[in-house]
Structures are given as C-alpha cells and as structure tokens.
N, C-alpha and C. Protein backbone atom coordinates (compact mmCIF):
# COMPACT_ATOMS: atom_id res chain seq x y z
N MET A 1 -7.98 -0.35 24.93
CA MET A 1 -7.40 -1.17 23.89
C MET A 1 -8.47 -2.03 23.22
N ARG A 2 -9.43 -2.50 23.99
CA ARG A 2 -10.51 -3.32 23.44
C ARG A 2 -11.33 -2.51 22.43
N HIS A 3 -11.60 -1.23 22.77
CA HIS A 3 -12.37 -0.38 21.86
C HIS A 3 -11.61 -0.16 20.55
N PHE A 4 -10.30 0.04 20.67
CA PHE A 4 -9.49 0.19 19.47
C PHE A 4 -9.57 -1.06 18.60
N ALA A 5 -9.42 -2.22 19.21
CA ALA A 5 -9.44 -3.49 18.47
C ALA A 5 -10.78 -3.70 17.78
N ILE A 6 -11.86 -3.39 18.47
CA ILE A 6 -13.19 -3.55 17.87
C ILE A 6 -13.37 -2.57 16.71
N ARG A 7 -13.01 -1.30 16.94
CA ARG A 7 -13.13 -0.31 15.86
C ARG A 7 -12.26 -0.69 14.67
N PHE A 8 -11.03 -1.17 14.94
CA PHE A 8 -10.14 -1.59 13.87
C PHE A 8 -10.78 -2.71 13.04
N ALA A 9 -11.32 -3.71 13.70
CA ALA A 9 -11.96 -4.83 12.99
C ALA A 9 -13.14 -4.36 12.16
N VAL A 10 -13.95 -3.46 12.71
CA VAL A 10 -15.12 -2.96 11.98
C VAL A 10 -14.67 -2.15 10.76
N TYR A 11 -13.73 -1.22 10.97
CA TYR A 11 -13.23 -0.43 9.84
C TYR A 11 -12.61 -1.32 8.77
N LEU A 12 -11.85 -2.32 9.18
CA LEU A 12 -11.22 -3.22 8.22
C LEU A 12 -12.26 -3.98 7.41
N LEU A 13 -13.26 -4.51 8.07
CA LEU A 13 -14.33 -5.24 7.37
C LEU A 13 -15.09 -4.32 6.40
N VAL A 14 -15.39 -3.11 6.84
CA VAL A 14 -16.12 -2.17 5.98
C VAL A 14 -15.26 -1.78 4.77
N LEU A 15 -14.02 -1.41 5.02
CA LEU A 15 -13.15 -0.99 3.91
C LEU A 15 -12.92 -2.12 2.92
N TYR A 16 -12.60 -3.31 3.42
CA TYR A 16 -12.39 -4.45 2.51
C TYR A 16 -13.69 -4.82 1.81
N GLY A 17 -14.80 -4.76 2.53
CA GLY A 17 -16.09 -5.05 1.91
C GLY A 17 -16.39 -4.11 0.77
N LEU A 18 -16.14 -2.82 0.97
CA LEU A 18 -16.35 -1.84 -0.10
C LEU A 18 -15.39 -2.07 -1.26
N ALA A 19 -14.13 -2.33 -0.93
CA ALA A 19 -13.13 -2.51 -1.98
C ALA A 19 -13.40 -3.72 -2.86
N TYR A 20 -14.09 -4.71 -2.33
CA TYR A 20 -14.35 -5.92 -3.10
C TYR A 20 -15.72 -5.92 -3.80
N LEU A 21 -16.43 -4.81 -3.71
CA LEU A 21 -17.66 -4.70 -4.51
C LEU A 21 -17.28 -4.65 -5.98
N PRO A 22 -17.98 -5.38 -6.83
CA PRO A 22 -17.62 -5.41 -8.25
C PRO A 22 -17.52 -4.02 -8.89
N VAL A 23 -18.42 -3.12 -8.54
CA VAL A 23 -18.39 -1.79 -9.14
C VAL A 23 -17.14 -1.02 -8.71
N VAL A 24 -16.72 -1.19 -7.48
CA VAL A 24 -15.51 -0.53 -6.98
C VAL A 24 -14.28 -1.14 -7.64
N ARG A 25 -14.26 -2.45 -7.75
CA ARG A 25 -13.11 -3.13 -8.38
C ARG A 25 -12.98 -2.69 -9.84
N GLU A 26 -14.11 -2.60 -10.52
CA GLU A 26 -14.07 -2.26 -11.94
C GLU A 26 -13.72 -0.80 -12.19
N HIS A 27 -14.30 0.10 -11.40
CA HIS A 27 -14.16 1.54 -11.70
C HIS A 27 -13.09 2.26 -10.88
N LEU A 28 -12.62 1.66 -9.81
CA LEU A 28 -11.58 2.30 -9.00
C LEU A 28 -10.31 1.46 -8.91
N VAL A 29 -10.44 0.22 -8.49
CA VAL A 29 -9.26 -0.60 -8.24
C VAL A 29 -8.54 -0.96 -9.54
N ALA A 30 -9.27 -1.38 -10.55
CA ALA A 30 -8.62 -1.76 -11.82
C ALA A 30 -7.89 -0.57 -12.46
N PRO A 31 -8.52 0.61 -12.57
CA PRO A 31 -7.78 1.75 -13.12
C PRO A 31 -6.59 2.16 -12.24
N PHE A 32 -6.75 2.04 -10.92
CA PHE A 32 -5.64 2.34 -10.01
C PHE A 32 -4.47 1.39 -10.26
N THR A 33 -4.77 0.12 -10.47
CA THR A 33 -3.74 -0.87 -10.73
C THR A 33 -2.99 -0.54 -12.02
N VAL A 34 -3.71 -0.13 -13.03
CA VAL A 34 -3.08 0.27 -14.29
C VAL A 34 -2.22 1.51 -14.06
N ALA A 35 -2.68 2.44 -13.24
CA ALA A 35 -1.90 3.66 -12.95
C ALA A 35 -0.60 3.31 -12.22
N ILE A 36 -0.68 2.39 -11.26
CA ILE A 36 0.53 1.96 -10.54
C ILE A 36 1.51 1.30 -11.52
N THR A 37 0.97 0.51 -12.44
CA THR A 37 1.81 -0.12 -13.46
C THR A 37 2.46 0.94 -14.34
N ASP A 38 1.68 1.94 -14.76
CA ASP A 38 2.22 3.02 -15.59
C ASP A 38 3.31 3.80 -14.86
N ILE A 39 3.08 4.12 -13.60
CA ILE A 39 4.09 4.86 -12.82
C ILE A 39 5.36 4.02 -12.69
N SER A 40 5.20 2.74 -12.38
CA SER A 40 6.36 1.85 -12.27
C SER A 40 7.12 1.80 -13.59
N GLY A 41 6.38 1.67 -14.69
CA GLY A 41 7.02 1.63 -16.01
C GLY A 41 7.72 2.93 -16.35
N TRP A 42 7.12 4.05 -15.98
CA TRP A 42 7.75 5.35 -16.23
C TRP A 42 9.06 5.46 -15.46
N LEU A 43 9.02 5.05 -14.18
CA LEU A 43 10.25 5.10 -13.38
C LEU A 43 11.34 4.21 -13.97
N ILE A 44 10.98 2.99 -14.35
CA ILE A 44 11.96 2.08 -14.95
C ILE A 44 12.50 2.69 -16.24
N GLY A 45 11.62 3.32 -17.00
CA GLY A 45 12.02 3.94 -18.26
C GLY A 45 13.05 5.03 -18.12
N LEU A 46 13.19 5.58 -16.92
CA LEU A 46 14.21 6.60 -16.68
C LEU A 46 15.62 6.05 -16.86
N TRP A 47 15.83 4.73 -16.61
CA TRP A 47 17.14 4.14 -16.79
C TRP A 47 17.14 2.94 -17.74
N ASP A 48 15.97 2.43 -18.08
CA ASP A 48 15.92 1.25 -18.93
C ASP A 48 14.85 1.44 -20.01
N PRO A 49 15.24 1.87 -21.19
CA PRO A 49 14.26 2.14 -22.24
C PRO A 49 13.60 0.89 -22.81
N ARG A 50 14.05 -0.29 -22.38
CA ARG A 50 13.48 -1.54 -22.90
C ARG A 50 12.15 -1.90 -22.24
N VAL A 51 11.75 -1.17 -21.20
CA VAL A 51 10.54 -1.52 -20.47
C VAL A 51 9.31 -1.32 -21.36
N VAL A 52 8.37 -2.25 -21.25
CA VAL A 52 7.11 -2.16 -21.98
C VAL A 52 5.98 -2.28 -20.97
N VAL A 53 5.03 -1.36 -21.07
CA VAL A 53 3.86 -1.38 -20.19
C VAL A 53 2.65 -1.67 -21.05
N THR A 54 1.91 -2.73 -20.69
CA THR A 54 0.69 -3.08 -21.39
C THR A 54 -0.38 -3.36 -20.35
N ASP A 55 -1.31 -2.42 -20.20
CA ASP A 55 -2.37 -2.53 -19.20
C ASP A 55 -1.74 -2.67 -17.82
N ASN A 56 -1.86 -3.82 -17.17
CA ASN A 56 -1.27 -4.00 -15.84
C ASN A 56 -0.06 -4.93 -15.87
N VAL A 57 0.62 -4.98 -17.01
CA VAL A 57 1.79 -5.84 -17.19
C VAL A 57 3.01 -4.99 -17.50
N LEU A 58 4.08 -5.25 -16.76
CA LEU A 58 5.39 -4.62 -17.00
C LEU A 58 6.31 -5.69 -17.55
N SER A 59 7.06 -5.35 -18.58
CA SER A 59 8.00 -6.35 -19.08
C SER A 59 9.29 -5.68 -19.53
N ILE A 60 10.34 -6.43 -19.38
CA ILE A 60 11.64 -6.11 -19.95
C ILE A 60 12.11 -7.42 -20.59
N PRO A 61 13.06 -7.37 -21.49
CA PRO A 61 13.51 -8.62 -22.11
C PRO A 61 13.91 -9.65 -21.04
N GLY A 62 13.27 -10.78 -21.09
CA GLY A 62 13.59 -11.86 -20.17
C GLY A 62 12.60 -12.09 -19.04
N PHE A 63 11.70 -11.11 -18.79
CA PHE A 63 10.76 -11.30 -17.69
C PHE A 63 9.64 -10.28 -17.77
N ALA A 64 8.50 -10.65 -17.19
CA ALA A 64 7.36 -9.74 -17.10
C ALA A 64 6.65 -9.99 -15.78
N VAL A 65 6.04 -8.95 -15.25
CA VAL A 65 5.20 -9.09 -14.06
C VAL A 65 3.84 -8.48 -14.35
N GLN A 66 2.82 -9.14 -13.85
CA GLN A 66 1.47 -8.63 -13.96
C GLN A 66 1.05 -8.17 -12.57
N ILE A 67 0.62 -6.92 -12.45
CA ILE A 67 0.20 -6.37 -11.18
C ILE A 67 -1.26 -6.76 -10.98
N LEU A 68 -1.50 -7.56 -9.96
CA LEU A 68 -2.85 -8.06 -9.67
C LEU A 68 -3.32 -7.55 -8.32
N ASP A 69 -4.54 -7.92 -7.95
CA ASP A 69 -5.04 -7.63 -6.62
C ASP A 69 -4.06 -8.23 -5.60
N MET A 70 -3.97 -7.60 -4.48
CA MET A 70 -3.05 -7.97 -3.41
C MET A 70 -1.63 -7.53 -3.73
N CYS A 71 -1.35 -7.13 -4.95
CA CYS A 71 -0.01 -6.68 -5.32
C CYS A 71 -0.01 -5.22 -5.73
N ASN A 72 -1.18 -4.60 -5.72
CA ASN A 72 -1.30 -3.22 -6.16
C ASN A 72 -1.23 -2.21 -5.01
N GLY A 73 -1.09 -2.70 -3.79
CA GLY A 73 -0.99 -1.83 -2.63
C GLY A 73 -2.32 -1.43 -2.02
N VAL A 74 -3.42 -1.79 -2.65
CA VAL A 74 -4.74 -1.37 -2.17
C VAL A 74 -5.05 -2.02 -0.82
N GLU A 75 -4.88 -3.32 -0.71
CA GLU A 75 -5.21 -4.00 0.54
C GLU A 75 -4.33 -3.52 1.68
N ALA A 76 -3.04 -3.31 1.41
CA ALA A 76 -2.13 -2.79 2.44
C ALA A 76 -2.56 -1.39 2.88
N THR A 77 -2.98 -0.58 1.93
CA THR A 77 -3.43 0.77 2.26
C THR A 77 -4.69 0.72 3.11
N LEU A 78 -5.61 -0.15 2.78
CA LEU A 78 -6.85 -0.25 3.56
C LEU A 78 -6.56 -0.74 4.98
N LEU A 79 -5.63 -1.65 5.13
CA LEU A 79 -5.23 -2.10 6.46
C LEU A 79 -4.69 -0.93 7.27
N MET A 80 -3.83 -0.14 6.65
CA MET A 80 -3.27 1.03 7.32
C MET A 80 -4.36 2.04 7.66
N TRP A 81 -5.27 2.29 6.73
CA TRP A 81 -6.36 3.23 6.99
C TRP A 81 -7.20 2.79 8.17
N ALA A 82 -7.47 1.48 8.28
CA ALA A 82 -8.27 0.97 9.39
C ALA A 82 -7.59 1.27 10.73
N VAL A 83 -6.27 1.16 10.77
CA VAL A 83 -5.54 1.47 11.99
C VAL A 83 -5.69 2.95 12.33
N PHE A 84 -5.49 3.82 11.35
CA PHE A 84 -5.60 5.27 11.60
C PHE A 84 -7.02 5.66 11.98
N LEU A 85 -8.00 5.09 11.31
CA LEU A 85 -9.39 5.43 11.62
C LEU A 85 -9.79 4.95 13.01
N ALA A 86 -9.28 3.81 13.43
CA ALA A 86 -9.65 3.24 14.73
C ALA A 86 -8.93 3.91 15.89
N PHE A 87 -7.78 4.49 15.65
CA PHE A 87 -6.98 5.04 16.74
C PHE A 87 -7.61 6.33 17.25
N PRO A 88 -7.71 6.48 18.57
CA PRO A 88 -8.32 7.69 19.13
C PRO A 88 -7.39 8.90 19.02
N ALA A 89 -7.57 9.65 17.96
CA ALA A 89 -6.77 10.84 17.71
C ALA A 89 -7.66 11.87 17.02
N PRO A 90 -7.27 13.13 17.05
CA PRO A 90 -8.05 14.14 16.32
C PRO A 90 -8.13 13.78 14.83
N TRP A 91 -9.26 14.06 14.23
CA TRP A 91 -9.50 13.67 12.84
C TRP A 91 -8.48 14.27 11.89
N ARG A 92 -8.03 15.48 12.14
CA ARG A 92 -7.05 16.07 11.21
C ARG A 92 -5.76 15.26 11.21
N TYR A 93 -5.37 14.71 12.36
CA TYR A 93 -4.17 13.87 12.43
C TYR A 93 -4.41 12.52 11.77
N ARG A 94 -5.59 11.98 11.96
CA ARG A 94 -5.91 10.71 11.32
C ARG A 94 -5.85 10.86 9.79
N LEU A 95 -6.50 11.90 9.28
CA LEU A 95 -6.55 12.10 7.83
C LEU A 95 -5.17 12.40 7.25
N LEU A 96 -4.39 13.21 7.96
CA LEU A 96 -3.04 13.49 7.48
C LEU A 96 -2.18 12.22 7.51
N GLY A 97 -2.33 11.42 8.57
CA GLY A 97 -1.62 10.15 8.63
C GLY A 97 -2.01 9.23 7.50
N MET A 98 -3.30 9.20 7.20
CA MET A 98 -3.78 8.35 6.09
C MET A 98 -3.20 8.81 4.76
N LEU A 99 -3.16 10.12 4.54
CA LEU A 99 -2.64 10.66 3.28
C LEU A 99 -1.15 10.37 3.14
N LEU A 100 -0.38 10.75 4.15
CA LEU A 100 1.07 10.54 4.07
C LEU A 100 1.41 9.05 4.09
N GLY A 101 0.67 8.28 4.89
CA GLY A 101 0.88 6.85 4.93
C GLY A 101 0.61 6.18 3.59
N THR A 102 -0.44 6.64 2.92
CA THR A 102 -0.77 6.10 1.60
C THR A 102 0.37 6.35 0.63
N LEU A 103 0.92 7.54 0.66
CA LEU A 103 2.07 7.84 -0.21
C LEU A 103 3.25 6.93 0.13
N GLY A 104 3.48 6.71 1.42
CA GLY A 104 4.58 5.84 1.84
C GLY A 104 4.38 4.40 1.43
N VAL A 105 3.18 3.88 1.62
CA VAL A 105 2.90 2.49 1.25
C VAL A 105 3.07 2.30 -0.26
N HIS A 106 2.57 3.25 -1.04
CA HIS A 106 2.66 3.07 -2.49
C HIS A 106 4.06 3.31 -3.03
N ALA A 107 4.82 4.17 -2.37
CA ALA A 107 6.22 4.33 -2.78
C ALA A 107 6.99 3.02 -2.56
N VAL A 108 6.79 2.39 -1.41
CA VAL A 108 7.46 1.12 -1.14
C VAL A 108 6.92 0.04 -2.08
N ASN A 109 5.62 0.07 -2.37
CA ASN A 109 5.07 -0.95 -3.28
C ASN A 109 5.62 -0.79 -4.69
N ILE A 110 5.82 0.42 -5.14
CA ILE A 110 6.43 0.62 -6.47
C ILE A 110 7.86 0.11 -6.47
N LEU A 111 8.60 0.37 -5.38
CA LEU A 111 9.95 -0.19 -5.25
C LEU A 111 9.89 -1.71 -5.31
N ARG A 112 8.89 -2.29 -4.66
CA ARG A 112 8.69 -3.74 -4.67
C ARG A 112 8.46 -4.25 -6.09
N ILE A 113 7.58 -3.58 -6.83
CA ILE A 113 7.27 -4.00 -8.20
C ILE A 113 8.51 -3.96 -9.08
N VAL A 114 9.24 -2.86 -9.00
CA VAL A 114 10.44 -2.69 -9.83
C VAL A 114 11.48 -3.75 -9.46
N SER A 115 11.69 -3.94 -8.16
CA SER A 115 12.70 -4.92 -7.73
C SER A 115 12.32 -6.33 -8.17
N LEU A 116 11.04 -6.66 -8.10
CA LEU A 116 10.61 -8.00 -8.51
C LEU A 116 10.78 -8.22 -10.01
N LEU A 117 10.55 -7.18 -10.79
CA LEU A 117 10.74 -7.31 -12.24
C LEU A 117 12.20 -7.67 -12.54
N TYR A 118 13.12 -6.95 -11.93
CA TYR A 118 14.55 -7.22 -12.20
C TYR A 118 15.01 -8.51 -11.52
N LEU A 119 14.45 -8.83 -10.37
CA LEU A 119 14.79 -10.10 -9.73
C LEU A 119 14.40 -11.27 -10.63
N GLY A 120 13.27 -11.13 -11.32
CA GLY A 120 12.83 -12.17 -12.23
C GLY A 120 13.81 -12.41 -13.37
N VAL A 121 14.55 -11.38 -13.76
CA VAL A 121 15.57 -11.53 -14.81
C VAL A 121 16.86 -12.08 -14.22
N TRP A 122 17.30 -11.52 -13.10
CA TRP A 122 18.61 -11.85 -12.55
C TRP A 122 18.63 -13.13 -11.72
N LYS A 123 17.59 -13.37 -10.93
CA LYS A 123 17.53 -14.54 -10.06
C LYS A 123 16.11 -15.11 -10.08
N PRO A 124 15.68 -15.69 -11.20
CA PRO A 124 14.29 -16.15 -11.31
C PRO A 124 13.88 -17.17 -10.25
N ASP A 125 14.82 -17.99 -9.78
CA ASP A 125 14.43 -18.98 -8.77
C ASP A 125 14.17 -18.34 -7.41
N TRP A 126 14.55 -17.11 -7.18
CA TRP A 126 14.28 -16.39 -5.94
C TRP A 126 12.95 -15.64 -6.00
N PHE A 127 12.45 -15.43 -7.20
CA PHE A 127 11.29 -14.56 -7.39
C PHE A 127 10.11 -14.93 -6.49
N HIS A 128 9.70 -16.17 -6.54
CA HIS A 128 8.50 -16.59 -5.81
C HIS A 128 8.65 -16.33 -4.30
N TRP A 129 9.77 -16.73 -3.71
CA TRP A 129 9.97 -16.56 -2.28
C TRP A 129 10.01 -15.07 -1.90
N VAL A 130 10.76 -14.30 -2.65
CA VAL A 130 10.87 -12.87 -2.35
C VAL A 130 9.50 -12.19 -2.53
N HIS A 131 8.78 -12.57 -3.59
CA HIS A 131 7.48 -11.97 -3.85
C HIS A 131 6.48 -12.27 -2.74
N TRP A 132 6.34 -13.52 -2.36
CA TRP A 132 5.29 -13.92 -1.43
C TRP A 132 5.66 -13.80 0.03
N TYR A 133 6.94 -13.82 0.36
CA TYR A 133 7.32 -13.82 1.77
C TYR A 133 8.07 -12.55 2.17
N LEU A 134 9.20 -12.30 1.54
CA LEU A 134 10.01 -11.16 1.95
C LEU A 134 9.28 -9.84 1.75
N TRP A 135 8.75 -9.60 0.56
CA TRP A 135 8.10 -8.31 0.31
C TRP A 135 6.80 -8.15 1.08
N ASP A 136 6.07 -9.22 1.30
CA ASP A 136 4.87 -9.11 2.13
C ASP A 136 5.23 -8.64 3.54
N ALA A 137 6.29 -9.24 4.09
CA ALA A 137 6.73 -8.83 5.43
C ALA A 137 7.22 -7.39 5.43
N LEU A 138 7.93 -7.00 4.39
CA LEU A 138 8.44 -5.62 4.31
C LEU A 138 7.31 -4.60 4.17
N ILE A 139 6.26 -4.95 3.45
CA ILE A 139 5.12 -4.03 3.32
C ILE A 139 4.43 -3.88 4.68
N MET A 140 4.27 -4.98 5.42
CA MET A 140 3.66 -4.90 6.75
C MET A 140 4.56 -4.10 7.70
N LEU A 141 5.87 -4.28 7.59
CA LEU A 141 6.81 -3.50 8.39
C LEU A 141 6.71 -2.02 8.03
N ASP A 142 6.55 -1.72 6.76
CA ASP A 142 6.36 -0.35 6.31
C ASP A 142 5.14 0.28 6.98
N ILE A 143 4.04 -0.45 7.02
CA ILE A 143 2.82 0.06 7.66
C ILE A 143 3.07 0.31 9.14
N LEU A 144 3.73 -0.62 9.80
CA LEU A 144 4.03 -0.46 11.22
C LEU A 144 4.91 0.76 11.46
N LEU A 145 5.95 0.93 10.65
CA LEU A 145 6.85 2.08 10.81
C LEU A 145 6.13 3.40 10.54
N ILE A 146 5.26 3.41 9.55
CA ILE A 146 4.48 4.62 9.27
C ILE A 146 3.60 4.95 10.47
N PHE A 147 2.95 3.95 11.03
CA PHE A 147 2.09 4.17 12.19
C PHE A 147 2.90 4.66 13.39
N LEU A 148 4.04 4.05 13.64
CA LEU A 148 4.87 4.47 14.77
C LEU A 148 5.41 5.89 14.57
N ALA A 149 5.79 6.23 13.34
CA ALA A 149 6.24 7.60 13.05
C ALA A 149 5.09 8.59 13.27
N TRP A 150 3.90 8.21 12.86
CA TRP A 150 2.72 9.06 13.06
C TRP A 150 2.45 9.26 14.54
N LEU A 151 2.54 8.19 15.33
CA LEU A 151 2.35 8.31 16.78
C LEU A 151 3.37 9.27 17.39
N HIS A 152 4.61 9.16 16.94
CA HIS A 152 5.67 10.03 17.45
C HIS A 152 5.45 11.48 17.04
N TRP A 153 4.93 11.68 15.86
CA TRP A 153 4.74 13.02 15.31
C TRP A 153 3.56 13.74 15.94
N MET A 154 2.56 13.00 16.39
CA MET A 154 1.38 13.63 16.99
C MET A 154 1.78 14.41 18.23
N PRO A 155 1.12 15.55 18.46
CA PRO A 155 1.46 16.34 19.66
C PRO A 155 1.08 15.57 20.93
N ALA A 156 1.85 15.82 21.97
CA ALA A 156 1.60 15.15 23.25
C ALA A 156 0.61 15.95 24.09
N GLY A 157 0.11 15.33 25.11
CA GLY A 157 -0.69 16.02 26.10
C GLY A 157 -2.11 16.30 25.66
N LYS A 158 -2.65 17.42 26.17
CA LYS A 158 -4.04 17.77 25.96
C LYS A 158 -4.42 17.85 24.49
N ASP A 159 -3.55 18.46 23.67
CA ASP A 159 -3.86 18.64 22.26
C ASP A 159 -4.10 17.29 21.56
N ARG A 160 -3.35 16.26 21.96
CA ARG A 160 -3.50 14.95 21.35
C ARG A 160 -4.87 14.37 21.62
N HIS A 161 -5.39 14.59 22.82
CA HIS A 161 -6.65 13.96 23.21
C HIS A 161 -7.85 14.90 23.16
N ALA A 162 -7.62 16.16 22.84
CA ALA A 162 -8.69 17.15 22.89
C ALA A 162 -9.87 16.77 22.02
N THR A 163 -9.62 16.31 20.83
CA THR A 163 -10.71 15.94 19.92
C THR A 163 -10.64 14.48 19.53
N ALA A 164 -9.95 13.68 20.33
CA ALA A 164 -9.76 12.27 19.99
C ALA A 164 -11.08 11.50 19.95
N LEU A 165 -12.04 11.91 20.72
CA LEU A 165 -13.30 11.18 20.72
C LEU A 165 -14.18 11.54 19.55
N GLY A 166 -13.88 12.64 18.89
CA GLY A 166 -14.72 13.11 17.78
C GLY A 166 -14.43 12.47 16.48
C-alpha cells in the first residue's frame, strides 16, 4: 500500500506539473476546454435552440456559464489517471481503464455543465453551492466508482498479477 501511495503522489505531481506548463495550457488545455464547451452546447442545442456558444462560454436567455480550469474535467481526469498508473496491474488494463474512465469523467462533467447552466436560470441562489460543493463531490464519487468498477472488471488470480510489475 505504501508503494501505491508513493507512486500515486509522484504520478499526480508529474501529471499536474505537466498540465500547468504554459505551453500545455495554451495548446492543449485551452482548446480542450473550448471543445467541451462546444460539445455541451451541441447537446443543449438538441432540445434548446436558444443556446449560444462563444469560445468557452455557454449561454441561454437568463444565464451563462464560463468553463474554466478546474471545471473542464482535466484535473479530475489527471487524478483518475494517477490512480490507474500507480495501481499494480497489467499495462493494458491500466490504459483501458484510463481510456474508459476518461470518457466516464467527461460524460459526467458535461452533465454537470448542462445542469449548472439550467440551475442558474431556475434556481440562481443554489448555483454557487451546487457548483462548488455538490458537483465536486459527485465528480470525485464518479472517479471512485470508475476505479471500483475497473477493479471488479479486472481478471482475478494469476492473470491479474502476471504483468502487474511491468
């Protein structure tokens, strides 16, 4: 367990360190944030043609949200990746967990973005609390559930540990 904790901390520091490099933020994170905003706007547009997407801002009459760092799902994804990378499992399972987990985290984050946009119209006094407390906890719960599902899905016995050290 100690080795896992140390590896997790190292992976987390490295991943966050890389993600916060100005060149990475400018050329990867910022365009990714705009893409998440576009996808969210496209989904909303399926039932609400009033949605407007401008760069990293989503708006409907009465409210707008700007998708910023910490709200784009990148940090949550890196946290999840650090767990998968640190866990002693065969690399193919780690990588598959990271891929499927990333899709899961971003699907929930898009749901979060859409819900917050409409919450801002319907119950604006709830927005801040739901945004900073409820959804943060739900995103962390999502990561935990993804990890637990991945643990359950991995094969048991020799196959699980055969290449875990590699």
